[in-house]
Amino acid sequence: MLINKSIPNIISLLRIILSFVLLLTLDAEWLFISLVIIIGLTDIADGYIARKYNLVSKLGARLDSLADLIFFVIILWIIYLRYKWILTDNYSWLLIIVFLKISTAVISKIKNRKLTFIHTIANKITGLLVFLSILIIPFGVADILYTVVFIVAMIAAAEELGIVIVNRKVDINQASIFKKNYH
C-alpha cells in the first residue's frame, strides 16, 4: 500500500488548527469534548501512521511536539478561563512543572542549540492523563484526580530535564532516563 509521506505531517497540522478552534468552543461543552477527542485521535494517528509506514521524519517529530505544546497551552488557558480552581488548587505543582520545563528548554538550547521535547513514556502517560482529565472535567470528578495528573506531569518533566542534563546528545524518542529508545 502506497501512502503519501506528508500525511502524518498534515495530521499534526490539523491538530494544531483544531487546538486553536477549541478557543471558539468555550460555551459549547459537547463541541469542546468532541474536538478534544478528535485532537486526541489525531495525536495517536500521526505517530502510528509515521511509524507503521516508515514515514518518521525530523520535521514530523517537531510538528508533533509543536502540536502537543500548542494543545497544552490552549488547554491551560481554557482551564484558567472555565475551571480556574483546578489551577489554583494545584498551583505549587504547576509552578514546579513550569520551572522544570523552562529549565529543560534552556539547557537543551545551550547544549544542543535547539529546543528539545522528548517523547518519553512518562510524557506520553502525562498526555493521556491530561486528555482523559479534560474529558471528565464537566462531570465534576474528585479534585484528587487533578492533583495526581499534576504530580505525574511533574515527574515526567523532571525525567525529561534529567535526560537533557545527563546525555550529550538527546534522542527525542528516548523512552525514559533508564532506557535509550523504544523504536
N, C-alpha and C. Protein backbone atom coordinates (compact mmCIF):
# COMPACT_ATOMS: atom_id res chain seq x y z
N MET A 1 0.84 -1.18 0.00
CA MET A 1 0.00 0.00 0.00
C MET A 1 0.88 1.24 0.00
N LEU A 2 0.66 2.11 -0.92
CA LEU A 2 1.41 3.35 -1.03
C LEU A 2 0.69 4.44 -0.24
N ILE A 3 1.44 5.17 0.57
CA ILE A 3 0.84 6.23 1.36
C ILE A 3 1.69 7.49 1.21
N ASN A 4 1.05 8.61 1.08
CA ASN A 4 1.74 9.88 0.90
C ASN A 4 2.58 10.17 2.14
N LYS A 5 3.86 10.51 1.93
CA LYS A 5 4.77 10.71 3.06
C LYS A 5 4.44 11.95 3.90
N SER A 6 3.59 12.83 3.39
CA SER A 6 3.26 14.03 4.16
C SER A 6 2.00 13.86 5.01
N ILE A 7 1.33 12.73 4.93
CA ILE A 7 0.08 12.53 5.68
C ILE A 7 0.27 12.70 7.19
N PRO A 8 1.30 12.11 7.82
CA PRO A 8 1.46 12.35 9.26
C PRO A 8 1.65 13.83 9.60
N ASN A 9 2.37 14.56 8.74
CA ASN A 9 2.58 15.98 9.00
C ASN A 9 1.29 16.77 8.82
N ILE A 10 0.48 16.39 7.85
CA ILE A 10 -0.81 17.05 7.64
C ILE A 10 -1.71 16.81 8.85
N ILE A 11 -1.67 15.60 9.40
CA ILE A 11 -2.47 15.28 10.59
C ILE A 11 -2.00 16.13 11.77
N SER A 12 -0.69 16.29 11.92
CA SER A 12 -0.17 17.15 13.01
C SER A 12 -0.61 18.59 12.82
N LEU A 13 -0.57 19.08 11.59
CA LEU A 13 -1.03 20.45 11.31
C LEU A 13 -2.52 20.59 11.60
N LEU A 14 -3.29 19.57 11.29
CA LEU A 14 -4.71 19.58 11.61
C LEU A 14 -4.91 19.68 13.13
N ARG A 15 -4.09 18.96 13.88
CA ARG A 15 -4.17 19.02 15.34
C ARG A 15 -3.88 20.43 15.85
N ILE A 16 -2.94 21.11 15.23
CA ILE A 16 -2.63 22.49 15.63
C ILE A 16 -3.84 23.39 15.36
N ILE A 17 -4.42 23.27 14.18
CA ILE A 17 -5.58 24.09 13.82
C ILE A 17 -6.75 23.81 14.76
N LEU A 18 -7.03 22.53 15.00
CA LEU A 18 -8.14 22.17 15.88
C LEU A 18 -7.92 22.65 17.31
N SER A 19 -6.66 22.70 17.74
CA SER A 19 -6.37 23.21 19.08
C SER A 19 -6.79 24.68 19.19
N PHE A 20 -6.52 25.46 18.14
CA PHE A 20 -6.96 26.86 18.15
C PHE A 20 -8.49 26.97 18.08
N VAL A 21 -9.11 26.07 17.36
CA VAL A 21 -10.57 26.07 17.24
C VAL A 21 -11.21 25.82 18.62
N LEU A 22 -10.51 25.09 19.49
CA LEU A 22 -11.02 24.85 20.85
C LEU A 22 -11.39 26.16 21.54
N LEU A 23 -10.64 27.21 21.25
CA LEU A 23 -10.91 28.51 21.88
C LEU A 23 -12.28 29.06 21.52
N LEU A 24 -12.83 28.60 20.42
CA LEU A 24 -14.14 29.05 19.98
C LEU A 24 -15.28 28.24 20.60
N THR A 25 -14.94 27.21 21.36
CA THR A 25 -15.95 26.30 21.89
C THR A 25 -16.17 26.47 23.39
N LEU A 26 -15.76 27.60 23.93
CA LEU A 26 -15.85 27.80 25.38
C LEU A 26 -17.26 27.64 25.94
N ASP A 27 -18.25 28.01 25.14
CA ASP A 27 -19.63 27.91 25.61
C ASP A 27 -20.37 26.70 25.06
N ALA A 28 -19.69 25.86 24.34
CA ALA A 28 -20.32 24.68 23.74
C ALA A 28 -19.60 23.43 24.24
N GLU A 29 -20.00 22.98 25.42
CA GLU A 29 -19.28 21.90 26.10
C GLU A 29 -19.15 20.62 25.28
N TRP A 30 -20.23 20.19 24.63
CA TRP A 30 -20.17 18.94 23.86
C TRP A 30 -19.31 19.10 22.61
N LEU A 31 -19.31 20.27 22.01
CA LEU A 31 -18.44 20.52 20.87
C LEU A 31 -16.98 20.52 21.34
N PHE A 32 -16.74 21.12 22.49
CA PHE A 32 -15.40 21.13 23.09
C PHE A 32 -14.92 19.70 23.31
N ILE A 33 -15.74 18.88 23.96
CA ILE A 33 -15.37 17.49 24.24
C ILE A 33 -15.14 16.73 22.93
N SER A 34 -15.99 16.94 21.94
CA SER A 34 -15.84 16.28 20.64
C SER A 34 -14.51 16.65 19.98
N LEU A 35 -14.18 17.94 20.03
CA LEU A 35 -12.91 18.38 19.44
C LEU A 35 -11.71 17.81 20.20
N VAL A 36 -11.80 17.76 21.51
CA VAL A 36 -10.70 17.17 22.29
C VAL A 36 -10.51 15.72 21.90
N ILE A 37 -11.58 14.98 21.71
CA ILE A 37 -11.48 13.58 21.28
C ILE A 37 -10.82 13.49 19.90
N ILE A 38 -11.24 14.34 18.98
CA ILE A 38 -10.64 14.33 17.63
C ILE A 38 -9.16 14.68 17.71
N ILE A 39 -8.82 15.67 18.54
CA ILE A 39 -7.40 16.04 18.71
C ILE A 39 -6.62 14.87 19.28
N GLY A 40 -7.19 14.18 20.25
CA GLY A 40 -6.52 13.01 20.82
C GLY A 40 -6.31 11.91 19.79
N LEU A 41 -7.31 11.68 18.97
CA LEU A 41 -7.19 10.65 17.93
C LEU A 41 -6.15 11.04 16.88
N THR A 42 -6.09 12.33 16.52
CA THR A 42 -5.07 12.75 15.55
C THR A 42 -3.67 12.66 16.14
N ASP A 43 -3.56 12.85 17.47
CA ASP A 43 -2.26 12.71 18.12
C ASP A 43 -1.77 11.26 18.02
N ILE A 44 -2.68 10.33 18.18
CA ILE A 44 -2.34 8.91 18.04
C ILE A 44 -2.07 8.58 16.58
N ALA A 45 -2.91 9.08 15.69
CA ALA A 45 -2.84 8.71 14.27
C ALA A 45 -1.55 9.15 13.60
N ASP A 46 -1.09 10.38 13.87
CA ASP A 46 0.10 10.85 13.15
C ASP A 46 1.32 9.99 13.46
N GLY A 47 1.52 9.67 14.72
CA GLY A 47 2.66 8.83 15.09
C GLY A 47 2.52 7.40 14.61
N TYR A 48 1.31 6.86 14.72
CA TYR A 48 1.06 5.50 14.27
C TYR A 48 1.33 5.36 12.77
N ILE A 49 0.78 6.26 12.00
CA ILE A 49 0.98 6.20 10.54
C ILE A 49 2.45 6.39 10.19
N ALA A 50 3.10 7.34 10.85
CA ALA A 50 4.52 7.60 10.56
C ALA A 50 5.37 6.36 10.83
N ARG A 51 5.11 5.69 11.97
CA ARG A 51 5.90 4.50 12.31
C ARG A 51 5.53 3.30 11.45
N LYS A 52 4.24 3.07 11.26
CA LYS A 52 3.78 1.89 10.51
C LYS A 52 4.27 1.90 9.06
N TYR A 53 4.25 3.07 8.44
CA TYR A 53 4.62 3.17 7.03
C TYR A 53 6.03 3.76 6.83
N ASN A 54 6.82 3.75 7.91
CA ASN A 54 8.20 4.23 7.86
C ASN A 54 8.28 5.65 7.28
N LEU A 55 7.45 6.53 7.80
CA LEU A 55 7.41 7.91 7.35
C LEU A 55 7.90 8.87 8.44
N VAL A 56 8.63 8.32 9.41
CA VAL A 56 9.15 9.13 10.52
C VAL A 56 10.16 10.12 9.97
N SER A 57 10.04 11.37 10.39
CA SER A 57 10.98 12.40 9.94
C SER A 57 11.24 13.40 11.07
N LYS A 58 12.32 14.14 10.95
CA LYS A 58 12.62 15.18 11.95
C LYS A 58 11.53 16.24 11.94
N LEU A 59 11.08 16.62 10.74
CA LEU A 59 10.01 17.61 10.64
C LEU A 59 8.74 17.09 11.31
N GLY A 60 8.41 15.84 11.08
CA GLY A 60 7.23 15.25 11.69
C GLY A 60 7.31 15.24 13.20
N ALA A 61 8.48 14.89 13.73
CA ALA A 61 8.67 14.88 15.19
C ALA A 61 8.52 16.28 15.76
N ARG A 62 9.07 17.26 15.06
CA ARG A 62 8.95 18.66 15.52
C ARG A 62 7.51 19.14 15.45
N LEU A 63 6.82 18.80 14.36
CA LEU A 63 5.40 19.20 14.24
C LEU A 63 4.57 18.55 15.34
N ASP A 64 4.85 17.28 15.64
CA ASP A 64 4.13 16.58 16.71
C ASP A 64 4.36 17.27 18.04
N SER A 65 5.62 17.60 18.33
CA SER A 65 5.93 18.29 19.59
C SER A 65 5.29 19.67 19.64
N LEU A 66 5.33 20.39 18.52
CA LEU A 66 4.71 21.72 18.46
C LEU A 66 3.20 21.60 18.66
N ALA A 67 2.58 20.62 18.03
CA ALA A 67 1.14 20.42 18.19
C ALA A 67 0.80 20.10 19.65
N ASP A 68 1.61 19.28 20.29
CA ASP A 68 1.40 18.96 21.71
C ASP A 68 1.52 20.23 22.56
N LEU A 69 2.55 21.01 22.31
CA LEU A 69 2.78 22.23 23.08
C LEU A 69 1.61 23.20 22.91
N ILE A 70 1.20 23.43 21.68
CA ILE A 70 0.08 24.35 21.42
C ILE A 70 -1.20 23.84 22.10
N PHE A 71 -1.46 22.55 21.99
CA PHE A 71 -2.64 21.97 22.62
C PHE A 71 -2.61 22.20 24.13
N PHE A 72 -1.47 21.90 24.77
CA PHE A 72 -1.38 22.04 26.23
C PHE A 72 -1.50 23.49 26.67
N VAL A 73 -0.90 24.41 25.94
CA VAL A 73 -1.01 25.83 26.29
C VAL A 73 -2.47 26.29 26.16
N ILE A 74 -3.12 25.90 25.09
CA ILE A 74 -4.52 26.30 24.90
C ILE A 74 -5.41 25.66 25.96
N ILE A 75 -5.16 24.40 26.27
CA ILE A 75 -5.95 23.73 27.32
C ILE A 75 -5.73 24.42 28.66
N LEU A 76 -4.50 24.78 28.98
CA LEU A 76 -4.25 25.51 30.24
C LEU A 76 -5.02 26.83 30.25
N TRP A 77 -5.04 27.53 29.13
CA TRP A 77 -5.76 28.79 29.04
C TRP A 77 -7.26 28.56 29.24
N ILE A 78 -7.80 27.54 28.61
CA ILE A 78 -9.23 27.23 28.75
C ILE A 78 -9.55 26.83 30.18
N ILE A 79 -8.68 26.03 30.79
CA ILE A 79 -8.89 25.65 32.19
C ILE A 79 -8.86 26.89 33.07
N TYR A 80 -7.93 27.78 32.78
CA TYR A 80 -7.86 29.03 33.55
C TYR A 80 -9.17 29.82 33.42
N LEU A 81 -9.72 29.88 32.22
CA LEU A 81 -10.94 30.65 31.99
C LEU A 81 -12.19 29.98 32.57
N ARG A 82 -12.27 28.66 32.47
CA ARG A 82 -13.50 27.95 32.84
C ARG A 82 -13.44 27.24 34.18
N TYR A 83 -12.28 26.72 34.52
CA TYR A 83 -12.14 25.89 35.72
C TYR A 83 -10.92 26.33 36.52
N LYS A 84 -10.84 27.59 36.82
CA LYS A 84 -9.67 28.18 37.47
C LYS A 84 -9.25 27.43 38.74
N TRP A 85 -10.22 26.86 39.43
CA TRP A 85 -9.93 26.16 40.69
C TRP A 85 -8.96 25.00 40.50
N ILE A 86 -8.97 24.37 39.33
CA ILE A 86 -8.04 23.26 39.10
C ILE A 86 -6.61 23.76 39.16
N LEU A 87 -6.36 24.93 38.59
CA LEU A 87 -5.01 25.50 38.61
C LEU A 87 -4.67 26.08 39.97
N THR A 88 -5.61 26.78 40.60
CA THR A 88 -5.31 27.38 41.90
C THR A 88 -5.11 26.32 42.97
N ASP A 89 -5.88 25.24 42.91
CA ASP A 89 -5.72 24.16 43.88
C ASP A 89 -4.40 23.41 43.70
N ASN A 90 -3.82 23.49 42.52
CA ASN A 90 -2.58 22.76 42.21
C ASN A 90 -1.46 23.72 41.79
N TYR A 91 -1.53 24.94 42.28
CA TYR A 91 -0.61 26.00 41.90
C TYR A 91 0.85 25.62 42.13
N SER A 92 1.16 25.01 43.26
CA SER A 92 2.54 24.63 43.56
C SER A 92 3.07 23.63 42.55
N TRP A 93 2.25 22.63 42.23
CA TRP A 93 2.67 21.63 41.24
C TRP A 93 2.89 22.29 39.88
N LEU A 94 1.98 23.17 39.52
CA LEU A 94 2.08 23.86 38.23
C LEU A 94 3.36 24.68 38.14
N LEU A 95 3.70 25.39 39.21
CA LEU A 95 4.94 26.19 39.22
C LEU A 95 6.18 25.30 39.07
N ILE A 96 6.18 24.17 39.75
CA ILE A 96 7.32 23.24 39.65
C ILE A 96 7.44 22.73 38.21
N ILE A 97 6.31 22.35 37.61
CA ILE A 97 6.32 21.85 36.23
C ILE A 97 6.84 22.91 35.27
N VAL A 98 6.35 24.13 35.40
CA VAL A 98 6.79 25.23 34.53
C VAL A 98 8.28 25.47 34.71
N PHE A 99 8.75 25.47 35.96
CA PHE A 99 10.18 25.65 36.22
C PHE A 99 11.01 24.54 35.56
N LEU A 100 10.57 23.29 35.71
CA LEU A 100 11.29 22.16 35.11
C LEU A 100 11.29 22.25 33.59
N LYS A 101 10.14 22.60 33.00
CA LYS A 101 10.05 22.69 31.54
C LYS A 101 10.92 23.83 31.00
N ILE A 102 10.91 24.97 31.67
CA ILE A 102 11.76 26.09 31.24
C ILE A 102 13.23 25.73 31.40
N SER A 103 13.58 25.07 32.50
CA SER A 103 14.97 24.63 32.71
C SER A 103 15.40 23.67 31.60
N THR A 104 14.54 22.74 31.25
CA THR A 104 14.84 21.79 30.17
C THR A 104 15.05 22.54 28.86
N ALA A 105 14.18 23.49 28.57
CA ALA A 105 14.29 24.26 27.32
C ALA A 105 15.60 25.05 27.28
N VAL A 106 15.94 25.69 28.37
CA VAL A 106 17.18 26.50 28.41
C VAL A 106 18.40 25.60 28.26
N ILE A 107 18.45 24.52 29.00
CA ILE A 107 19.61 23.63 28.95
C ILE A 107 19.72 22.96 27.59
N SER A 108 18.61 22.52 27.02
CA SER A 108 18.67 21.89 25.69
C SER A 108 19.09 22.89 24.63
N LYS A 109 18.66 24.14 24.77
CA LYS A 109 19.05 25.18 23.81
C LYS A 109 20.56 25.45 23.92
N ILE A 110 21.07 25.48 25.12
CA ILE A 110 22.51 25.71 25.32
C ILE A 110 23.33 24.52 24.83
N LYS A 111 22.91 23.30 25.22
CA LYS A 111 23.69 22.11 24.87
C LYS A 111 23.55 21.70 23.41
N ASN A 112 22.34 21.78 22.86
CA ASN A 112 22.07 21.25 21.53
C ASN A 112 21.76 22.33 20.50
N ARG A 113 21.75 23.56 20.93
CA ARG A 113 21.42 24.70 20.07
C ARG A 113 20.00 24.63 19.50
N LYS A 114 19.14 23.87 20.17
CA LYS A 114 17.73 23.80 19.77
C LYS A 114 16.90 23.34 20.96
N LEU A 115 15.63 23.66 20.89
CA LEU A 115 14.71 23.19 21.92
C LEU A 115 14.45 21.70 21.69
N THR A 116 14.39 20.96 22.77
CA THR A 116 14.21 19.52 22.66
C THR A 116 12.99 19.11 23.48
N PHE A 117 12.07 18.43 22.83
CA PHE A 117 10.92 17.86 23.51
C PHE A 117 11.02 16.34 23.34
N ILE A 118 11.22 15.65 24.44
CA ILE A 118 11.48 14.21 24.39
C ILE A 118 10.18 13.44 24.56
N HIS A 119 9.98 12.46 23.70
CA HIS A 119 8.76 11.66 23.73
C HIS A 119 8.93 10.47 24.66
N THR A 120 9.15 10.74 25.94
CA THR A 120 9.33 9.66 26.91
C THR A 120 7.99 8.98 27.19
N ILE A 121 8.08 7.82 27.76
CA ILE A 121 6.87 7.10 28.17
C ILE A 121 6.12 7.93 29.21
N ALA A 122 6.86 8.54 30.14
CA ALA A 122 6.22 9.37 31.17
C ALA A 122 5.50 10.57 30.56
N ASN A 123 6.09 11.17 29.54
CA ASN A 123 5.41 12.29 28.86
C ASN A 123 4.16 11.80 28.13
N LYS A 124 4.22 10.60 27.56
CA LYS A 124 3.05 10.04 26.88
C LYS A 124 1.95 9.73 27.89
N ILE A 125 2.32 9.19 29.04
CA ILE A 125 1.34 8.92 30.10
C ILE A 125 0.73 10.23 30.59
N THR A 126 1.56 11.25 30.75
CA THR A 126 1.06 12.57 31.16
C THR A 126 0.05 13.08 30.14
N GLY A 127 0.39 12.99 28.86
CA GLY A 127 -0.53 13.43 27.81
C GLY A 127 -1.85 12.70 27.87
N LEU A 128 -1.79 11.39 28.07
CA LEU A 128 -3.02 10.59 28.17
C LEU A 128 -3.85 11.02 29.39
N LEU A 129 -3.19 11.21 30.52
CA LEU A 129 -3.91 11.63 31.73
C LEU A 129 -4.54 13.01 31.58
N VAL A 130 -3.80 13.93 30.96
CA VAL A 130 -4.35 15.26 30.71
C VAL A 130 -5.56 15.15 29.80
N PHE A 131 -5.41 14.39 28.74
CA PHE A 131 -6.50 14.18 27.79
C PHE A 131 -7.74 13.63 28.50
N LEU A 132 -7.57 12.57 29.28
CA LEU A 132 -8.71 11.96 29.98
C LEU A 132 -9.30 12.91 31.03
N SER A 133 -8.45 13.63 31.74
CA SER A 133 -8.96 14.53 32.77
C SER A 133 -9.75 15.68 32.16
N ILE A 134 -9.35 16.14 30.97
CA ILE A 134 -10.09 17.20 30.28
C ILE A 134 -11.49 16.71 29.95
N LEU A 135 -11.58 15.46 29.53
CA LEU A 135 -12.88 14.91 29.15
C LEU A 135 -13.83 14.78 30.34
N ILE A 136 -13.28 14.61 31.54
CA ILE A 136 -14.16 14.40 32.69
C ILE A 136 -14.38 15.65 33.55
N ILE A 137 -13.69 16.76 33.23
CA ILE A 137 -13.89 17.99 33.99
C ILE A 137 -15.37 18.36 34.11
N PRO A 138 -16.11 18.36 33.01
CA PRO A 138 -17.52 18.78 33.12
C PRO A 138 -18.37 17.91 34.04
N PHE A 139 -17.89 16.72 34.37
CA PHE A 139 -18.68 15.81 35.19
C PHE A 139 -18.33 15.88 36.67
N GLY A 140 -17.48 16.83 37.05
CA GLY A 140 -17.18 17.09 38.45
C GLY A 140 -16.55 15.94 39.20
N VAL A 141 -15.49 15.38 38.67
CA VAL A 141 -14.79 14.28 39.31
C VAL A 141 -13.92 14.83 40.45
N ALA A 142 -13.55 13.97 41.37
CA ALA A 142 -12.81 14.36 42.57
C ALA A 142 -11.55 15.17 42.25
N ASP A 143 -11.29 16.15 43.10
CA ASP A 143 -10.13 17.03 42.94
C ASP A 143 -8.82 16.26 42.99
N ILE A 144 -8.78 15.17 43.72
CA ILE A 144 -7.54 14.40 43.87
C ILE A 144 -7.02 13.91 42.52
N LEU A 145 -7.92 13.63 41.59
CA LEU A 145 -7.51 13.17 40.27
C LEU A 145 -6.64 14.21 39.57
N TYR A 146 -7.02 15.47 39.66
CA TYR A 146 -6.25 16.53 39.02
C TYR A 146 -4.89 16.69 39.68
N THR A 147 -4.84 16.52 41.00
CA THR A 147 -3.55 16.58 41.70
C THR A 147 -2.65 15.45 41.22
N VAL A 148 -3.20 14.26 41.02
CA VAL A 148 -2.42 13.13 40.51
C VAL A 148 -1.86 13.46 39.12
N VAL A 149 -2.68 14.06 38.27
CA VAL A 149 -2.22 14.44 36.93
C VAL A 149 -1.05 15.41 37.03
N PHE A 150 -1.15 16.40 37.91
CA PHE A 150 -0.05 17.36 38.07
C PHE A 150 1.22 16.69 38.61
N ILE A 151 1.07 15.75 39.53
CA ILE A 151 2.25 15.05 40.09
C ILE A 151 2.91 14.20 39.01
N VAL A 152 2.12 13.48 38.22
CA VAL A 152 2.69 12.67 37.12
C VAL A 152 3.38 13.58 36.11
N ALA A 153 2.77 14.72 35.80
CA ALA A 153 3.38 15.68 34.87
C ALA A 153 4.69 16.22 35.42
N MET A 154 4.75 16.44 36.73
CA MET A 154 5.98 16.92 37.35
C MET A 154 7.08 15.86 37.26
N ILE A 155 6.74 14.62 37.51
CA ILE A 155 7.72 13.53 37.41
C ILE A 155 8.23 13.42 35.98
N ALA A 156 7.32 13.50 35.00
CA ALA A 156 7.72 13.43 33.59
C ALA A 156 8.63 14.60 33.22
N ALA A 157 8.31 15.79 33.71
CA ALA A 157 9.13 16.97 33.42
C ALA A 157 10.51 16.84 34.06
N ALA A 158 10.57 16.29 35.28
CA ALA A 158 11.85 16.09 35.95
C ALA A 158 12.70 15.06 35.21
N GLU A 159 12.05 14.01 34.73
CA GLU A 159 12.76 12.98 33.96
C GLU A 159 13.32 13.58 32.67
N GLU A 160 12.52 14.37 31.98
CA GLU A 160 12.96 15.00 30.74
C GLU A 160 14.16 15.91 31.00
N LEU A 161 14.11 16.68 32.08
CA LEU A 161 15.25 17.53 32.45
C LEU A 161 16.48 16.67 32.73
N GLY A 162 16.29 15.57 33.43
CA GLY A 162 17.40 14.66 33.73
C GLY A 162 18.03 14.10 32.46
N ILE A 163 17.22 13.73 31.51
CA ILE A 163 17.73 13.20 30.23
C ILE A 163 18.57 14.26 29.52
N VAL A 164 18.07 15.48 29.49
CA VAL A 164 18.79 16.56 28.81
C VAL A 164 20.12 16.85 29.53
N ILE A 165 20.12 16.80 30.84
CA ILE A 165 21.34 17.06 31.60
C ILE A 165 22.36 15.93 31.42
N VAL A 166 21.91 14.69 31.51
CA VAL A 166 22.81 13.53 31.51
C VAL A 166 23.39 13.22 30.13
N ASN A 167 22.60 13.33 29.09
CA ASN A 167 23.04 12.92 27.76
C ASN A 167 23.72 14.06 27.01
N ARG A 168 24.81 13.71 26.34
CA ARG A 168 25.47 14.71 25.50
C ARG A 168 24.60 15.09 24.32
N LYS A 169 24.07 14.07 23.65
CA LYS A 169 23.16 14.29 22.54
C LYS A 169 21.85 13.60 22.89
N VAL A 170 20.74 14.32 22.74
CA VAL A 170 19.45 13.81 23.16
C VAL A 170 18.70 13.21 21.98
N ASP A 171 18.17 12.01 22.19
CA ASP A 171 17.30 11.35 21.23
C ASP A 171 15.87 11.68 21.65
N ILE A 172 15.12 12.36 20.78
CA ILE A 172 13.77 12.77 21.17
C ILE A 172 12.84 11.58 21.40
N ASN A 173 13.25 10.39 20.98
CA ASN A 173 12.45 9.18 21.19
C ASN A 173 12.97 8.32 22.33
N GLN A 174 13.75 8.91 23.23
CA GLN A 174 14.25 8.15 24.37
C GLN A 174 13.08 7.80 25.28
N ALA A 175 12.93 6.53 25.57
CA ALA A 175 11.77 6.03 26.32
C ALA A 175 11.74 6.53 27.75
N SER A 176 12.89 6.54 28.39
CA SER A 176 12.98 7.02 29.77
C SER A 176 14.45 7.31 30.08
N ILE A 177 14.68 7.80 31.26
CA ILE A 177 16.06 8.09 31.65
C ILE A 177 16.84 6.78 31.82
N PHE A 178 16.10 5.66 31.99
CA PHE A 178 16.73 4.36 32.18
C PHE A 178 16.86 3.55 30.92
N LYS A 179 16.16 3.95 29.86
CA LYS A 179 16.15 3.19 28.62
C LYS A 179 16.30 4.15 27.45
N LYS A 180 17.20 3.84 26.56
CA LYS A 180 17.54 4.77 25.48
C LYS A 180 16.42 5.00 24.48
N ASN A 181 15.90 3.96 23.84
CA ASN A 181 14.98 4.18 22.74
C ASN A 181 13.94 3.08 22.70
N TYR A 182 12.73 3.42 22.32
CA TYR A 182 11.67 2.41 22.26
C TYR A 182 11.23 2.12 20.84
N HIS A 183 11.89 2.64 19.83
CA HIS A 183 11.54 2.34 18.43
C HIS A 183 12.39 1.21 17.92
